[in-house]
């Protein structure tokens, strides 16, 4: 019998479900409602579902990339010979 990594409740899995389970499959804890992922099948183990956190990290990366693209546009203008525009000589 497996336990929830969030609330330590025992997770009862039907034998038919157990036969079809694969690592990475989503699961929900009946006791606390946490979203879980199958971490191991023999023995059955669950981990917290970090997918939401991963999505937030990807959004942050995309924002950083978008900011970086703006910098590239500024550099392109400098290469075109405008002298950078902000330099005092």
N, C-alpha and C. Protein backbone atom coordinates (compact mmCIF):
# COMPACT_ATOMS: atom_id res chain seq x y z
N UNK A 1 0.85 -1.18 0.00
CA UNK A 1 0.00 0.00 0.00
C UNK A 1 0.90 1.24 0.00
N UNK A 2 0.55 2.20 -0.83
CA UNK A 2 1.31 3.45 -0.95
C UNK A 2 0.70 4.52 -0.06
N UNK A 3 1.51 5.56 0.22
CA UNK A 3 1.01 6.69 1.00
C UNK A 3 1.19 7.98 0.20
N UNK A 4 0.35 8.95 0.51
CA UNK A 4 0.42 10.25 -0.14
C UNK A 4 1.62 11.01 0.42
N UNK A 5 2.48 11.57 -0.45
CA UNK A 5 3.64 12.31 0.03
C UNK A 5 3.25 13.66 0.65
N UNK A 6 2.02 14.10 0.42
CA UNK A 6 1.58 15.39 0.95
C UNK A 6 0.96 15.25 2.34
N UNK A 7 0.09 14.24 2.54
CA UNK A 7 -0.64 14.12 3.81
C UNK A 7 -0.39 12.81 4.54
N UNK A 8 0.40 11.92 3.97
CA UNK A 8 0.74 10.61 4.54
C UNK A 8 -0.45 9.66 4.68
N UNK A 9 -1.56 9.94 4.02
CA UNK A 9 -2.70 9.04 4.03
C UNK A 9 -2.40 7.83 3.16
N UNK A 10 -2.95 6.70 3.53
CA UNK A 10 -2.78 5.51 2.71
C UNK A 10 -3.62 5.65 1.45
N UNK A 11 -3.03 5.29 0.31
CA UNK A 11 -3.73 5.37 -0.97
C UNK A 11 -4.10 3.96 -1.38
N UNK A 12 -5.40 3.72 -1.47
CA UNK A 12 -5.91 2.41 -1.85
C UNK A 12 -6.11 2.39 -3.36
N UNK A 13 -5.41 1.48 -4.02
CA UNK A 13 -5.48 1.37 -5.48
C UNK A 13 -6.08 0.02 -5.84
N UNK A 14 -7.09 0.06 -6.69
CA UNK A 14 -7.74 -1.15 -7.16
C UNK A 14 -6.72 -2.00 -7.93
N UNK A 15 -6.78 -3.30 -7.81
CA UNK A 15 -5.80 -4.17 -8.46
C UNK A 15 -5.81 -4.01 -9.98
N UNK A 16 -6.98 -3.75 -10.57
CA UNK A 16 -7.05 -3.53 -12.02
C UNK A 16 -6.30 -2.25 -12.40
N UNK A 17 -6.47 -1.19 -11.60
CA UNK A 17 -5.75 0.06 -11.86
C UNK A 17 -4.25 -0.14 -11.70
N UNK A 18 -3.87 -0.92 -10.70
CA UNK A 18 -2.45 -1.15 -10.42
C UNK A 18 -1.76 -1.83 -11.60
N UNK A 19 -2.45 -2.77 -12.25
CA UNK A 19 -1.87 -3.48 -13.39
C UNK A 19 -1.61 -2.54 -14.58
N UNK A 20 -2.42 -1.48 -14.71
CA UNK A 20 -2.30 -0.57 -15.84
C UNK A 20 -1.40 0.63 -15.56
N UNK A 21 -0.99 0.82 -14.30
CA UNK A 21 -0.21 2.00 -13.92
C UNK A 21 1.19 1.97 -14.51
N UNK A 22 1.63 3.17 -14.89
CA UNK A 22 2.99 3.36 -15.37
C UNK A 22 3.59 4.56 -14.65
N UNK A 23 4.89 4.60 -14.57
CA UNK A 23 5.57 5.73 -13.94
C UNK A 23 5.20 7.01 -14.69
N UNK A 24 4.84 8.04 -13.93
CA UNK A 24 4.47 9.31 -14.50
C UNK A 24 2.97 9.51 -14.64
N UNK A 25 2.19 8.45 -14.46
CA UNK A 25 0.74 8.57 -14.55
C UNK A 25 0.22 9.50 -13.46
N UNK A 26 -0.78 10.32 -13.77
CA UNK A 26 -1.37 11.20 -12.77
C UNK A 26 -2.27 10.43 -11.81
N UNK A 27 -2.39 10.93 -10.59
CA UNK A 27 -3.25 10.33 -9.58
C UNK A 27 -3.68 11.44 -8.64
N UNK A 28 -4.78 11.24 -7.95
CA UNK A 28 -5.27 12.22 -7.00
C UNK A 28 -5.48 11.55 -5.65
N UNK A 29 -5.01 12.20 -4.60
CA UNK A 29 -5.18 11.68 -3.25
C UNK A 29 -6.62 11.94 -2.81
N UNK A 30 -7.33 10.87 -2.43
CA UNK A 30 -8.71 11.01 -1.97
C UNK A 30 -8.78 11.77 -0.65
N UNK A 31 -7.75 11.65 0.19
CA UNK A 31 -7.78 12.27 1.51
C UNK A 31 -7.58 13.78 1.47
N UNK A 32 -6.58 14.26 0.72
CA UNK A 32 -6.27 15.69 0.73
C UNK A 32 -6.50 16.38 -0.61
N UNK A 33 -6.75 15.58 -1.67
CA UNK A 33 -7.03 16.16 -2.98
C UNK A 33 -5.78 16.57 -3.76
N UNK A 34 -4.59 16.26 -3.26
CA UNK A 34 -3.35 16.63 -3.95
C UNK A 34 -3.22 15.90 -5.28
N UNK A 35 -2.66 16.60 -6.25
CA UNK A 35 -2.34 15.98 -7.53
C UNK A 35 -1.00 15.27 -7.38
N UNK A 36 -0.97 14.01 -7.74
CA UNK A 36 0.23 13.19 -7.58
C UNK A 36 0.62 12.58 -8.91
N UNK A 37 1.82 12.03 -8.96
CA UNK A 37 2.31 11.26 -10.11
C UNK A 37 2.87 9.95 -9.58
N UNK A 38 2.67 8.88 -10.34
CA UNK A 38 3.23 7.58 -9.97
C UNK A 38 4.75 7.67 -10.10
N UNK A 39 5.47 7.40 -9.00
CA UNK A 39 6.92 7.46 -9.00
C UNK A 39 7.54 6.07 -9.14
N UNK A 40 6.79 5.07 -8.74
CA UNK A 40 7.27 3.70 -8.83
C UNK A 40 6.09 2.75 -8.82
N UNK A 41 6.24 1.62 -9.50
CA UNK A 41 5.13 0.68 -9.60
C UNK A 41 5.33 -0.51 -8.66
N UNK A 42 6.54 -1.00 -8.54
CA UNK A 42 6.83 -2.12 -7.65
C UNK A 42 8.02 -1.76 -6.79
N UNK A 43 7.82 -1.28 -5.59
CA UNK A 43 6.55 -1.03 -4.90
C UNK A 43 5.91 0.26 -5.39
N UNK A 44 4.60 0.35 -5.18
CA UNK A 44 3.85 1.51 -5.61
C UNK A 44 4.25 2.73 -4.78
N UNK A 45 4.66 3.79 -5.45
CA UNK A 45 5.05 5.03 -4.79
C UNK A 45 4.51 6.22 -5.58
N UNK A 46 4.23 7.30 -4.86
CA UNK A 46 3.74 8.52 -5.49
C UNK A 46 4.62 9.69 -5.10
N UNK A 47 4.74 10.65 -6.00
CA UNK A 47 5.40 11.93 -5.75
C UNK A 47 4.37 13.03 -5.98
N UNK A 48 4.65 14.20 -5.40
CA UNK A 48 3.80 15.35 -5.68
C UNK A 48 3.91 15.70 -7.14
N UNK A 49 2.83 16.22 -7.71
CA UNK A 49 2.81 16.60 -9.12
C UNK A 49 3.37 18.00 -9.24
N UNK A 50 4.60 18.14 -9.76
CA UNK A 50 5.27 19.43 -9.90
C UNK A 50 4.97 20.08 -11.23
N UNK A 51 4.03 19.54 -11.98
CA UNK A 51 3.76 20.07 -13.32
C UNK A 51 3.39 21.55 -13.28
N UNK A 52 2.58 21.98 -12.29
CA UNK A 52 2.19 23.38 -12.20
C UNK A 52 3.41 24.26 -11.98
N UNK A 53 4.34 23.83 -11.14
CA UNK A 53 5.55 24.61 -10.89
C UNK A 53 6.41 24.67 -12.15
N UNK A 54 6.48 23.55 -12.89
CA UNK A 54 7.26 23.54 -14.13
C UNK A 54 6.68 24.51 -15.14
N UNK A 55 5.34 24.57 -15.23
CA UNK A 55 4.70 25.50 -16.15
C UNK A 55 5.06 26.94 -15.81
N UNK A 56 5.10 27.27 -14.50
CA UNK A 56 5.46 28.62 -14.08
C UNK A 56 6.90 28.92 -14.47
N UNK A 57 7.81 27.95 -14.30
CA UNK A 57 9.21 28.15 -14.66
C UNK A 57 9.34 28.38 -16.16
N UNK A 58 8.58 27.63 -16.97
CA UNK A 58 8.63 27.79 -18.42
C UNK A 58 8.14 29.18 -18.81
N UNK A 59 7.09 29.67 -18.12
CA UNK A 59 6.59 31.01 -18.41
C UNK A 59 7.65 32.05 -18.10
N UNK A 60 8.39 31.87 -16.99
CA UNK A 60 9.46 32.80 -16.63
C UNK A 60 10.56 32.77 -17.69
N UNK A 61 10.90 31.58 -18.19
CA UNK A 61 11.94 31.45 -19.21
C UNK A 61 11.51 32.17 -20.49
N UNK A 62 10.23 32.01 -20.87
CA UNK A 62 9.74 32.66 -22.08
C UNK A 62 9.79 34.17 -21.94
N UNK A 63 9.48 34.69 -20.75
CA UNK A 63 9.53 36.12 -20.51
C UNK A 63 10.96 36.62 -20.62
N UNK A 64 11.90 35.87 -20.07
CA UNK A 64 13.31 36.26 -20.13
C UNK A 64 13.79 36.26 -21.58
N UNK A 65 13.36 35.27 -22.35
CA UNK A 65 13.75 35.21 -23.75
C UNK A 65 13.18 36.40 -24.51
N UNK A 66 11.95 36.76 -24.22
CA UNK A 66 11.33 37.90 -24.90
C UNK A 66 12.09 39.17 -24.56
N UNK A 67 12.51 39.33 -23.31
CA UNK A 67 13.31 40.50 -22.92
C UNK A 67 14.64 40.49 -23.65
N UNK A 68 15.23 39.31 -23.80
CA UNK A 68 16.51 39.19 -24.49
C UNK A 68 16.38 39.56 -25.95
N UNK A 69 15.23 39.28 -26.58
CA UNK A 69 15.03 39.63 -27.98
C UNK A 69 15.04 41.14 -28.16
N UNK A 70 14.49 41.86 -27.19
CA UNK A 70 14.49 43.32 -27.27
C UNK A 70 15.92 43.84 -27.28
N UNK A 71 16.80 43.23 -26.49
CA UNK A 71 18.20 43.64 -26.45
C UNK A 71 18.86 43.39 -27.80
N UNK A 72 18.50 42.31 -28.46
CA UNK A 72 19.08 42.01 -29.76
C UNK A 72 18.67 43.07 -30.77
N UNK A 73 17.43 43.54 -30.70
CA UNK A 73 16.99 44.58 -31.62
C UNK A 73 17.79 45.85 -31.42
N UNK A 74 18.10 46.21 -30.17
CA UNK A 74 18.90 47.40 -29.89
C UNK A 74 20.30 47.25 -30.47
N UNK A 75 20.88 46.04 -30.33
CA UNK A 75 22.22 45.80 -30.85
C UNK A 75 22.24 45.90 -32.36
N UNK A 76 21.15 45.44 -33.00
CA UNK A 76 21.08 45.53 -34.45
C UNK A 76 21.13 46.98 -34.91
N UNK A 77 20.48 47.86 -34.15
CA UNK A 77 20.50 49.28 -34.52
C UNK A 77 21.91 49.83 -34.43
N UNK A 78 22.68 49.40 -33.43
CA UNK A 78 24.06 49.88 -33.28
C UNK A 78 24.91 49.43 -34.47
N UNK A 79 24.67 48.23 -34.95
CA UNK A 79 25.43 47.72 -36.07
C UNK A 79 25.10 48.47 -37.36
N UNK A 80 23.94 49.08 -37.41
CA UNK A 80 23.54 49.82 -38.60
C UNK A 80 24.21 51.18 -38.68
N UNK A 81 25.01 51.53 -37.67
CA UNK A 81 25.79 52.75 -37.75
C UNK A 81 25.15 53.97 -37.13
N UNK A 82 24.19 53.78 -36.25
CA UNK A 82 23.60 54.96 -35.64
C UNK A 82 24.42 55.44 -34.45
N UNK A 83 25.50 54.72 -34.13
CA UNK A 83 26.40 55.12 -33.06
C UNK A 83 25.86 54.86 -31.67
N UNK A 84 24.78 54.14 -31.54
CA UNK A 84 24.24 53.80 -30.25
C UNK A 84 23.26 54.82 -29.73
N UNK A 85 23.36 56.05 -30.14
CA UNK A 85 22.38 57.06 -29.80
C UNK A 85 22.49 57.61 -28.40
N UNK A 86 22.92 56.83 -27.42
CA UNK A 86 22.96 57.28 -26.05
C UNK A 86 24.34 57.64 -25.58
N UNK A 87 25.34 57.54 -26.43
CA UNK A 87 26.70 57.81 -26.02
C UNK A 87 27.01 59.30 -26.12
N UNK A 88 27.58 59.83 -25.06
CA UNK A 88 28.06 61.24 -25.08
C UNK A 88 29.55 61.22 -25.32
N UNK A 89 29.99 61.90 -26.37
CA UNK A 89 31.43 61.91 -26.66
C UNK A 89 32.00 63.28 -26.51
